[in-house]
Amino acid sequence: MVVMNINNHVLSRKELQLFIVLGGFFITNALVAEMIGGKLFSVERIFGASPVNWSLFGQNGLSFTMTCGVLLWPVVFIMTDVINEYFGMRGVRFLSYLTVGLILYAFAAIYLAMGTPAADFYVNSMVERGIPNMNTAFSAVFGQGLWIIAGSVIAFLVGQVIDVYVFHRIRRVTGEKKLWLRATGSTLVSQLVDSFVVLFIAFHVSGKYPLIWVLGVGAINFVYKAVVAILLTPSLYVIHHYIDRFLGDELSEKLQKQAAS
């Protein structure tokens, strides 16, 4: 009974509840972004336009063709800024390391599933829908290359470290004012690095594409991420508002001061 009362008391603390909710969104979006990253989509076609045909760094035919992972990574970086605001560097680093561990665990589980022998009826279960081999389709969808996994995980970690550092550097200069500046500024800098690191490791270090290709594609990716980051900036104030209402002025101010220190 004593243990039960202690557990209930701990879980009733609003700051712990907030950290669990924010951390849950952070980890879930990062994991799902990795899982859906194998599909590419055209940003231009979402708006009914034809793909652009840009030339950068000697690379022709560049367009806004993105991995579906970019649909959720902006949410991860918003969560990074919010967690940074209330729980500081330690909170972001803890969740970042935990997320990387869980991503690696998820891919290990997927590769284990890919290695299991498929049941005969499962292999042929979707023939009438135009999928001759479900086992091959499963491996094609979930079986990302090791270089891509390594590139995305390393880029994520590097981006998180830079995001936290820039966020607090701006905060020291501006104080509690200008949330938009420290949040958007840190995201833009970290996304700039992230856009090139993942491509460099996944496609250049692996020997698939030259460095000039990485520069061209990375620049296009960063333009997209920068536009999304700026458009999502107002959402930070909405999230901030509801968190302050949930915590109350006194606890909110206490957490933010501790995070800043």
C-alpha atoms as a PDB file:
ATOM      1  CA  MET A   1       0.000   0.000   0.000  1.00  0.00           C
ATOM      2  CA  VAL A   2       2.878   2.334   0.807  1.00  0.00           C
ATOM      3  CA  VAL A   3       4.548   1.546  -2.520  1.00  0.00           C
ATOM      4  CA  MET A   4       1.265   2.151  -4.334  1.00  0.00           C
ATOM      5  CA  ASN A   5       0.814   5.514  -2.636  1.00  0.00           C
ATOM      6  CA  ILE A   6       4.369   6.565  -3.490  1.00  0.00           C
ATOM      7  CA  ASN A   7       3.911   5.573  -7.136  1.00  0.00           C
ATOM      8  CA  ASN A   8       0.626   7.432  -7.357  1.00  0.00           C
ATOM      9  CA  HIS A   9       2.211  10.484  -5.809  1.00  0.00           C
ATOM     10  CA  VAL A  10       5.120  10.452  -8.282  1.00  0.00           C
ATOM     11  CA  LEU A  11       2.884   9.960 -11.312  1.00  0.00           C
ATOM     12  CA  SER A  12       0.595  12.753 -10.187  1.00  0.00           C
ATOM     13  CA  ARG A  13       3.376  15.320 -10.535  1.00  0.00           C
ATOM     14  CA  LYS A  14       2.547  17.573 -13.449  1.00  0.00           C
ATOM     15  CA  GLU A  15       6.151  18.012 -14.602  1.00  0.00           C
ATOM     16  CA  LEU A  16       6.558  14.220 -14.858  1.00  0.00           C
ATOM     17  CA  GLN A  17       3.293  13.883 -16.759  1.00  0.00           C
ATOM     18  CA  LEU A  18       4.407  16.616 -19.149  1.00  0.00           C
ATOM     19  CA  PHE A  19       7.785  14.974 -19.741  1.00  0.00           C
ATOM     20  CA  ILE A  20       6.152  11.615 -20.465  1.00  0.00           C
ATOM     21  CA  VAL A  21       3.682  13.136 -22.958  1.00  0.00           C
ATOM     22  CA  LEU A  22       6.306  15.230 -24.751  1.00  0.00           C
ATOM     23  CA  GLY A  23       8.775  12.349 -24.732  1.00  0.00           C
ATOM     24  CA  GLY A  24       6.117  10.003 -26.105  1.00  0.00           C
ATOM     25  CA  PHE A  25       5.393  12.314 -29.044  1.00  0.00           C
ATOM     26  CA  PHE A  26       9.120  12.837 -29.595  1.00  0.00           C
ATOM     27  CA  ILE A  27      10.009   9.131 -29.679  1.00  0.00           C
ATOM     28  CA  THR A  28       6.914   8.001 -31.598  1.00  0.00           C
ATOM     29  CA  ASN A  29       7.372  10.546 -34.371  1.00  0.00           C
ATOM     30  CA  ALA A  30      11.067   9.735 -34.723  1.00  0.00           C
ATOM     31  CA  LEU A  31      10.371   5.990 -34.906  1.00  0.00           C
ATOM     32  CA  VAL A  32       7.509   6.311 -37.394  1.00  0.00           C
ATOM     33  CA  ALA A  33       9.555   8.758 -39.508  1.00  0.00           C
ATOM     34  CA  GLU A  34      12.255   6.108 -39.816  1.00  0.00           C
ATOM     35  CA  MET A  35       9.748   3.409 -40.731  1.00  0.00           C
ATOM     36  CA  ILE A  36       8.019   5.434 -43.485  1.00  0.00           C
ATOM     37  CA  GLY A  37      11.255   6.921 -44.775  1.00  0.00           C
ATOM     38  CA  GLY A  38      11.507   4.392 -47.598  1.00  0.00           C
ATOM     39  CA  LYS A  39       8.731   6.065 -49.609  1.00  0.00           C
ATOM     40  CA  LEU A  40       9.481   9.147 -51.705  1.00  0.00           C
ATOM     41  CA  PHE A  41       6.904  11.763 -52.638  1.00  0.00           C
ATOM     42  CA  SER A  42       6.738  14.883 -54.783  1.00  0.00           C
ATOM     43  CA  VAL A  43       6.051  18.089 -52.857  1.00  0.00           C
ATOM     44  CA  GLU A  44       5.093  19.902 -56.059  1.00  0.00           C
ATOM     45  CA  ARG A  45       2.429  17.350 -56.990  1.00  0.00           C
ATOM     46  CA  ILE A  46       0.719  17.854 -53.602  1.00  0.00           C
ATOM     47  CA  PHE A  47      -0.135  21.338 -54.868  1.00  0.00           C
ATOM     48  CA  GLY A  48      -1.014  20.131 -58.364  1.00  0.00           C
ATOM     49  CA  ALA A  49       2.187  21.474 -59.931  1.00  0.00           C
ATOM     50  CA  SER A  50       4.802  19.776 -62.064  1.00  0.00           C
ATOM     51  CA  PRO A  51       8.173  19.011 -60.443  1.00  0.00           C
ATOM     52  CA  VAL A  52      10.648  21.872 -60.712  1.00  0.00           C
ATOM     53  CA  ASN A  53      13.789  21.320 -62.717  1.00  0.00           C
ATOM     54  CA  TRP A  54      16.576  23.130 -60.867  1.00  0.00           C
ATOM     55  CA  SER A  55      20.319  22.947 -61.354  1.00  0.00           C
ATOM     56  CA  LEU A  56      22.612  23.298 -58.342  1.00  0.00           C
ATOM     57  CA  PHE A  57      26.328  22.542 -58.011  1.00  0.00           C
ATOM     58  CA  GLY A  58      26.313  21.078 -61.490  1.00  0.00           C
ATOM     59  CA  GLN A  59      23.442  18.693 -60.752  1.00  0.00           C
ATOM     60  CA  ASN A  60      20.513  18.948 -63.176  1.00  0.00           C
ATOM     61  CA  GLY A  61      16.902  17.907 -62.782  1.00  0.00           C
ATOM     62  CA  LEU A  62      16.673  18.578 -59.047  1.00  0.00           C
ATOM     63  CA  SER A  63      13.153  18.765 -57.618  1.00  0.00           C
ATOM     64  CA  PHE A  64      11.398  18.639 -54.263  1.00  0.00           C
ATOM     65  CA  THR A  65      11.290  14.860 -54.065  1.00  0.00           C
ATOM     66  CA  MET A  66      11.332  13.989 -50.380  1.00  0.00           C
ATOM     67  CA  THR A  67      11.304  10.945 -48.183  1.00  0.00           C
ATOM     68  CA  CYS A  68       8.042  10.594 -46.269  1.00  0.00           C
ATOM     69  CA  GLY A  69      10.110  10.841 -43.104  1.00  0.00           C
ATOM     70  CA  VAL A  70      10.212  14.625 -43.534  1.00  0.00           C
ATOM     71  CA  LEU A  71       6.459  14.697 -42.856  1.00  0.00           C
ATOM     72  CA  LEU A  72       7.138  13.873 -39.204  1.00  0.00           C
ATOM     73  CA  TRP A  73      10.672  15.115 -38.518  1.00  0.00           C
ATOM     74  CA  PRO A  74       9.423  18.720 -38.128  1.00  0.00           C
ATOM     75  CA  VAL A  75       7.254  17.475 -35.236  1.00  0.00           C
ATOM     76  CA  VAL A  76      10.363  15.933 -33.666  1.00  0.00           C
ATOM     77  CA  PHE A  77      12.203  19.227 -33.844  1.00  0.00           C
ATOM     78  CA  ILE A  78       9.230  21.133 -32.439  1.00  0.00           C
ATOM     79  CA  MET A  79       9.165  18.668 -29.541  1.00  0.00           C
ATOM     80  CA  THR A  80      12.915  19.191 -29.158  1.00  0.00           C
ATOM     81  CA  ASP A  81      12.420  22.930 -28.712  1.00  0.00           C
ATOM     82  CA  VAL A  82       9.506  22.503 -26.312  1.00  0.00           C
ATOM     83  CA  ILE A  83      11.380  19.935 -24.211  1.00  0.00           C
ATOM     84  CA  ASN A  84      14.413  22.213 -24.309  1.00  0.00           C
ATOM     85  CA  GLU A  85      12.286  25.077 -23.012  1.00  0.00           C
ATOM     86  CA  TYR A  86      11.021  23.203 -19.952  1.00  0.00           C
ATOM     87  CA  PHE A  87      13.568  20.449 -19.281  1.00  0.00           C
ATOM     88  CA  GLY A  88      16.802  21.806 -20.722  1.00  0.00           C
ATOM     89  CA  MET A  89      19.758  20.014 -22.282  1.00  0.00           C
ATOM     90  CA  ARG A  90      19.553  16.974 -20.018  1.00  0.00           C
ATOM     91  CA  GLY A  91      15.961  16.288 -20.988  1.00  0.00           C
ATOM     92  CA  VAL A  92      16.640  16.531 -24.728  1.00  0.00           C
ATOM     93  CA  ARG A  93      19.821  14.464 -24.556  1.00  0.00           C
ATOM     94  CA  PHE A  94      18.161  11.741 -22.500  1.00  0.00           C
ATOM     95  CA  LEU A  95      15.303  11.424 -24.991  1.00  0.00           C
ATOM     96  CA  SER A  96      17.668  11.625 -27.987  1.00  0.00           C
ATOM     97  CA  TYR A  97      19.861   8.759 -26.746  1.00  0.00           C
ATOM     98  CA  LEU A  98      16.787   6.729 -25.797  1.00  0.00           C
ATOM     99  CA  THR A  99      15.262   7.339 -29.241  1.00  0.00           C
ATOM    100  CA  VAL A 100      18.413   6.208 -31.052  1.00  0.00           C
ATOM    101  CA  GLY A 101      18.469   3.032 -28.962  1.00  0.00           C
ATOM    102  CA  LEU A 102      14.816   2.351 -29.747  1.00  0.00           C
ATOM    103  CA  ILE A 103      15.305   3.044 -33.466  1.00  0.00           C
ATOM    104  CA  LEU A 104      18.171   0.543 -33.598  1.00  0.00           C
ATOM    105  CA  TYR A 105      16.078  -1.945 -31.642  1.00  0.00           C
ATOM    106  CA  ALA A 106      13.171  -1.468 -34.079  1.00  0.00           C
ATOM    107  CA  PHE A 107      15.378  -2.094 -37.113  1.00  0.00           C
ATOM    108  CA  ALA A 108      16.899  -5.169 -35.452  1.00  0.00           C
ATOM    109  CA  ALA A 109      13.368  -6.498 -34.895  1.00  0.00           C
ATOM    110  CA  ILE A 110      12.467  -5.761 -38.531  1.00  0.00           C
ATOM    111  CA  TYR A 111      15.547  -7.554 -39.866  1.00  0.00           C
ATOM    112  CA  LEU A 112      14.718 -10.492 -37.597  1.00  0.00           C
ATOM    113  CA  ALA A 113      11.199 -10.564 -39.058  1.00  0.00           C
ATOM    114  CA  MET A 114      12.597 -10.354 -42.591  1.00  0.00           C
ATOM    115  CA  GLY A 115      14.798 -13.370 -41.901  1.00  0.00           C
ATOM    116  CA  THR A 116      11.975 -15.647 -40.788  1.00  0.00           C
ATOM    117  CA  PRO A 117      10.621 -18.130 -43.368  1.00  0.00           C
ATOM    118  CA  ALA A 118       7.272 -16.942 -44.697  1.00  0.00           C
ATOM    119  CA  ALA A 119       4.212 -19.185 -44.674  1.00  0.00           C
ATOM    120  CA  ASP A 120       3.235 -20.394 -48.144  1.00  0.00           C
ATOM    121  CA  PHE A 121      -0.293 -18.940 -48.020  1.00  0.00           C
ATOM    122  CA  TYR A 122       1.131 -15.560 -46.929  1.00  0.00           C
ATOM    123  CA  VAL A 123       3.527 -15.363 -49.888  1.00  0.00           C
ATOM    124  CA  ASN A 124       0.654 -15.728 -52.357  1.00  0.00           C
ATOM    125  CA  SER A 125      -2.044 -13.953 -50.331  1.00  0.00           C
ATOM    126  CA  MET A 126      -2.085 -10.775 -52.440  1.00  0.00           C
ATOM    127  CA  VAL A 127      -1.629 -12.163 -55.939  1.00  0.00           C
ATOM    128  CA  GLU A 128      -5.134 -11.048 -56.931  1.00  0.00           C
ATOM    129  CA  ARG A 129      -4.164  -7.481 -55.955  1.00  0.00           C
ATOM    130  CA  GLY A 130      -1.096  -7.488 -58.169  1.00  0.00           C
ATOM    131  CA  ILE A 131       1.493  -8.417 -55.515  1.00  0.00           C
ATOM    132  CA  PRO A 132       3.057 -11.716 -56.630  1.00  0.00           C
ATOM    133  CA  ASN A 133       5.135 -12.233 -53.465  1.00  0.00           C
ATOM    134  CA  MET A 134       4.138 -10.666 -50.135  1.00  0.00           C
ATOM    135  CA  ASN A 135       7.387 -11.720 -48.483  1.00  0.00           C
ATOM    136  CA  THR A 136       9.421  -9.834 -51.087  1.00  0.00           C
ATOM    137  CA  ALA A 137       7.113  -6.837 -50.765  1.00  0.00           C
ATOM    138  CA  PHE A 138       7.534  -6.831 -46.971  1.00  0.00           C
ATOM    139  CA  SER A 139      11.320  -6.848 -47.277  1.00  0.00           C
ATOM    140  CA  ALA A 140      11.245  -4.147 -49.957  1.00  0.00           C
ATOM    141  CA  VAL A 141       9.112  -1.828 -47.804  1.00  0.00           C
ATOM    142  CA  PHE A 142      10.830  -2.286 -44.449  1.00  0.00           C
ATOM    143  CA  GLY A 143      14.319  -3.386 -45.443  1.00  0.00           C
ATOM    144  CA  GLN A 144      16.255  -0.119 -45.541  1.00  0.00           C
ATOM    145  CA  GLY A 145      19.978  -0.336 -46.260  1.00  0.00           C
ATOM    146  CA  LEU A 146      22.444  -0.253 -43.384  1.00  0.00           C
ATOM    147  CA  TRP A 147      24.107   2.906 -44.749  1.00  0.00           C
ATOM    148  CA  ILE A 148      20.770   4.716 -44.797  1.00  0.00           C
ATOM    149  CA  ILE A 149      20.038   3.615 -41.231  1.00  0.00           C
ATOM    150  CA  ALA A 150      23.510   4.693 -40.081  1.00  0.00           C
ATOM    151  CA  GLY A 151      23.202   8.027 -41.897  1.00  0.00           C
ATOM    152  CA  SER A 152      19.778   8.854 -40.461  1.00  0.00           C
ATOM    153  CA  VAL A 153      20.718   7.881 -36.889  1.00  0.00           C
ATOM    154  CA  ILE A 154      24.004   9.803 -36.908  1.00  0.00           C
ATOM    155  CA  ALA A 155      22.378  12.821 -38.558  1.00  0.00           C
ATOM    156  CA  PHE A 156      19.618  12.742 -35.933  1.00  0.00           C
ATOM    157  CA  LEU A 157      22.095  12.710 -33.055  1.00  0.00           C
ATOM    158  CA  VAL A 158      24.296  15.428 -34.548  1.00  0.00           C
ATOM    159  CA  GLY A 159      21.230  17.549 -35.326  1.00  0.00           C
ATOM    160  CA  GLN A 160      19.916  17.192 -31.776  1.00  0.00           C
ATOM    161  CA  VAL A 161      23.232  18.191 -30.200  1.00  0.00           C
ATOM    162  CA  ILE A 162      23.474  21.259 -32.434  1.00  0.00           C
ATOM    163  CA  ASP A 163      19.810  22.170 -31.872  1.00  0.00           C
ATOM    164  CA  VAL A 164      20.240  22.116 -28.088  1.00  0.00           C
ATOM    165  CA  TYR A 165      23.470  24.112 -28.204  1.00  0.00           C
ATOM    166  CA  VAL A 166      22.171  26.843 -30.525  1.00  0.00           C
ATOM    167  CA  PHE A 167      18.865  27.050 -28.622  1.00  0.00           C
ATOM    168  CA  HIS A 168      20.609  27.815 -25.336  1.00  0.00           C
ATOM    169  CA  ARG A 169      23.172  30.153 -26.904  1.00  0.00           C
ATOM    170  CA  ILE A 170      20.331  32.297 -28.291  1.00  0.00           C
ATOM    171  CA  ARG A 171      18.474  32.049 -24.985  1.00  0.00           C
ATOM    172  CA  ARG A 172      21.444  33.454 -23.090  1.00  0.00           C
ATOM    173  CA  VAL A 173      21.391  36.513 -25.310  1.00  0.00           C
ATOM    174  CA  THR A 174      17.623  37.097 -25.488  1.00  0.00           C
ATOM    175  CA  GLY A 175      16.568  35.776 -22.089  1.00  0.00           C
ATOM    176  CA  GLU A 176      12.984  34.518 -21.870  1.00  0.00           C
ATOM    177  CA  LYS A 177      11.886  36.723 -24.772  1.00  0.00           C
ATOM    178  CA  LYS A 178      11.790  35.787 -28.460  1.00  0.00           C
ATOM    179  CA  LEU A 179      10.839  32.131 -28.248  1.00  0.00           C
ATOM    180  CA  TRP A 180      10.419  32.169 -32.032  1.00  0.00           C
ATOM    181  CA  LEU A 181      14.053  33.177 -32.526  1.00  0.00           C
ATOM    182  CA  ARG A 182      15.698  30.515 -30.380  1.00  0.00           C
ATOM    183  CA  ALA A 183      13.294  27.778 -31.521  1.00  0.00           C
ATOM    184  CA  THR A 184      13.319  28.511 -35.256  1.00  0.00           C
ATOM    185  CA  GLY A 185      16.976  29.576 -35.282  1.00  0.00           C
ATOM    186  CA  SER A 186      18.167  26.380 -33.606  1.00  0.00           C
ATOM    187  CA  THR A 187      15.973  24.258 -35.878  1.00  0.00           C
ATOM    188  CA  LEU A 188      17.261  25.905 -39.049  1.00  0.00           C
ATOM    189  CA  VAL A 189      20.905  25.445 -38.052  1.00  0.00           C
ATOM    190  CA  SER A 190      20.407  21.822 -36.982  1.00  0.00           C
ATOM    191  CA  GLN A 191      18.386  21.019 -40.118  1.00  0.00           C
ATOM    192  CA  LEU A 192      21.078  22.543 -42.297  1.00  0.00           C
ATOM    193  CA  VAL A 193      23.590  20.111 -40.846  1.00  0.00           C
ATOM    194  CA  ASP A 194      21.148  17.196 -40.773  1.00  0.00           C
ATOM    195  CA  SER A 195      20.234  17.618 -44.456  1.00  0.00           C
ATOM    196  CA  PHE A 196      23.813  17.067 -45.570  1.00  0.00           C
ATOM    197  CA  VAL A 197      25.048  14.580 -42.936  1.00  0.00           C
ATOM    198  CA  VAL A 198      22.408  11.956 -43.705  1.00  0.00           C
ATOM    199  CA  LEU A 199      23.039  12.157 -47.466  1.00  0.00           C
ATOM    200  CA  PHE A 200      26.804  12.239 -47.030  1.00  0.00           C
ATOM    201  CA  ILE A 201      26.872   9.048 -44.959  1.00  0.00           C
ATOM    202  CA  ALA A 202      24.056   7.166 -46.689  1.00  0.00           C
ATOM    203  CA  PHE A 203      25.034   7.904 -50.288  1.00  0.00           C
ATOM    204  CA  HIS A 204      28.574   9.307 -50.493  1.00  0.00           C
ATOM    205  CA  VAL A 205      30.456   7.323 -47.849  1.00  0.00           C
ATOM    206  CA  SER A 206      28.708   4.208 -49.162  1.00  0.00           C
ATOM    207  CA  GLY A 207      30.114   5.031 -52.618  1.00  0.00           C
ATOM    208  CA  LYS A 208      26.790   5.429 -54.426  1.00  0.00           C
ATOM    209  CA  TYR A 209      26.961   9.116 -55.373  1.00  0.00           C
ATOM    210  CA  PRO A 210      29.653  11.810 -55.637  1.00  0.00           C
ATOM    211  CA  LEU A 211      29.932  14.666 -53.147  1.00  0.00           C
ATOM    212  CA  ILE A 212      28.578  17.175 -55.666  1.00  0.00           C
ATOM    213  CA  TRP A 213      25.321  15.173 -55.748  1.00  0.00           C
ATOM    214  CA  VAL A 214      25.099  15.376 -51.953  1.00  0.00           C
ATOM    215  CA  LEU A 215      25.477  19.163 -52.100  1.00  0.00           C
ATOM    216  CA  GLY A 216      22.761  19.600 -54.719  1.00  0.00           C
ATOM    217  CA  VAL A 217      20.176  17.279 -53.170  1.00  0.00           C
ATOM    218  CA  GLY A 218      21.032  18.462 -49.649  1.00  0.00           C
ATOM    219  CA  ALA A 219      20.427  22.094 -50.615  1.00  0.00           C
ATOM    220  CA  ILE A 220      16.979  21.252 -52.010  1.00  0.00           C
ATOM    221  CA  ASN A 221      16.116  19.259 -48.882  1.00  0.00           C
ATOM    222  CA  PHE A 222      17.169  22.141 -46.640  1.00  0.00           C
ATOM    223  CA  VAL A 223      15.030  24.645 -48.542  1.00  0.00           C
ATOM    224  CA  TYR A 224      11.982  22.455 -47.917  1.00  0.00           C
ATOM    225  CA  LYS A 225      12.817  21.928 -44.232  1.00  0.00           C
ATOM    226  CA  ALA A 226      13.486  25.636 -43.687  1.00  0.00           C
ATOM    227  CA  VAL A 227      10.118  26.627 -45.164  1.00  0.00           C
ATOM    228  CA  VAL A 228       8.299  24.035 -43.017  1.00  0.00           C
ATOM    229  CA  ALA A 229      10.178  25.123 -39.872  1.00  0.00           C
ATOM    230  CA  ILE A 230       9.182  28.761 -40.414  1.00  0.00           C
ATOM    231  CA  LEU A 231       5.550  27.869 -41.139  1.00  0.00           C
ATOM    232  CA  LEU A 232       5.345  25.789 -37.956  1.00  0.00           C
ATOM    233  CA  THR A 233       6.786  28.503 -35.703  1.00  0.00           C
ATOM    234  CA  PRO A 234       3.353  29.781 -34.536  1.00  0.00           C
ATOM    235  CA  SER A 235       2.524  26.283 -33.264  1.00  0.00           C
ATOM    236  CA  LEU A 236       5.249  26.707 -30.639  1.00  0.00           C
ATOM    237  CA  TYR A 237       3.303  29.532 -29.026  1.00  0.00           C
ATOM    238  CA  VAL A 238       0.106  27.466 -29.030  1.00  0.00           C
ATOM    239  CA  ILE A 239       1.871  24.516 -27.385  1.00  0.00           C
ATOM    240  CA  HIS A 240       3.626  26.845 -24.952  1.00  0.00           C
ATOM    241  CA  HIS A 241       0.303  28.418 -23.990  1.00  0.00           C
ATOM    242  CA  TYR A 242      -1.434  25.143 -23.183  1.00  0.00           C
ATOM    243  CA  ILE A 243       1.573  23.784 -21.289  1.00  0.00           C
ATOM    244  CA  ASP A 244       1.660  26.921 -19.131  1.00  0.00           C
ATOM    245  CA  ARG A 245      -2.053  26.517 -18.426  1.00  0.00           C
ATOM    246  CA  PHE A 246      -1.522  22.874 -17.476  1.00  0.00           C
ATOM    247  CA  LEU A 247       1.467  23.544 -15.215  1.00  0.00           C
ATOM    248  CA  GLY A 248       0.342  26.830 -13.730  1.00  0.00           C
ATOM    249  CA  ASP A 249       2.425  30.010 -13.738  1.00  0.00           C
ATOM    250  CA  GLU A 250       4.577  29.124 -10.736  1.00  0.00           C
ATOM    251  CA  LEU A 251       5.620  25.638 -11.845  1.00  0.00           C
ATOM    252  CA  SER A 252       6.035  26.737 -15.463  1.00  0.00           C
ATOM    253  CA  GLU A 253       8.371  29.545 -14.494  1.00  0.00           C
ATOM    254  CA  LYS A 254      10.311  27.255 -12.169  1.00  0.00           C
ATOM    255  CA  LEU A 255      10.874  24.635 -14.894  1.00  0.00           C
ATOM    256  CA  GLN A 256      11.932  27.219 -17.471  1.00  0.00           C
ATOM    257  CA  LYS A 257      14.445  28.774 -15.076  1.00  0.00           C
ATOM    258  CA  GLN A 258      15.894  25.373 -14.268  1.00  0.00           C
ATOM    259  CA  ALA A 259      16.074  24.512 -17.988  1.00  0.00           C
ATOM    260  CA  ALA A 260      17.855  27.796 -18.751  1.00  0.00           C
ATOM    261  CA  SER A 261      20.451  27.176 -16.061  1.00  0.00           C
END
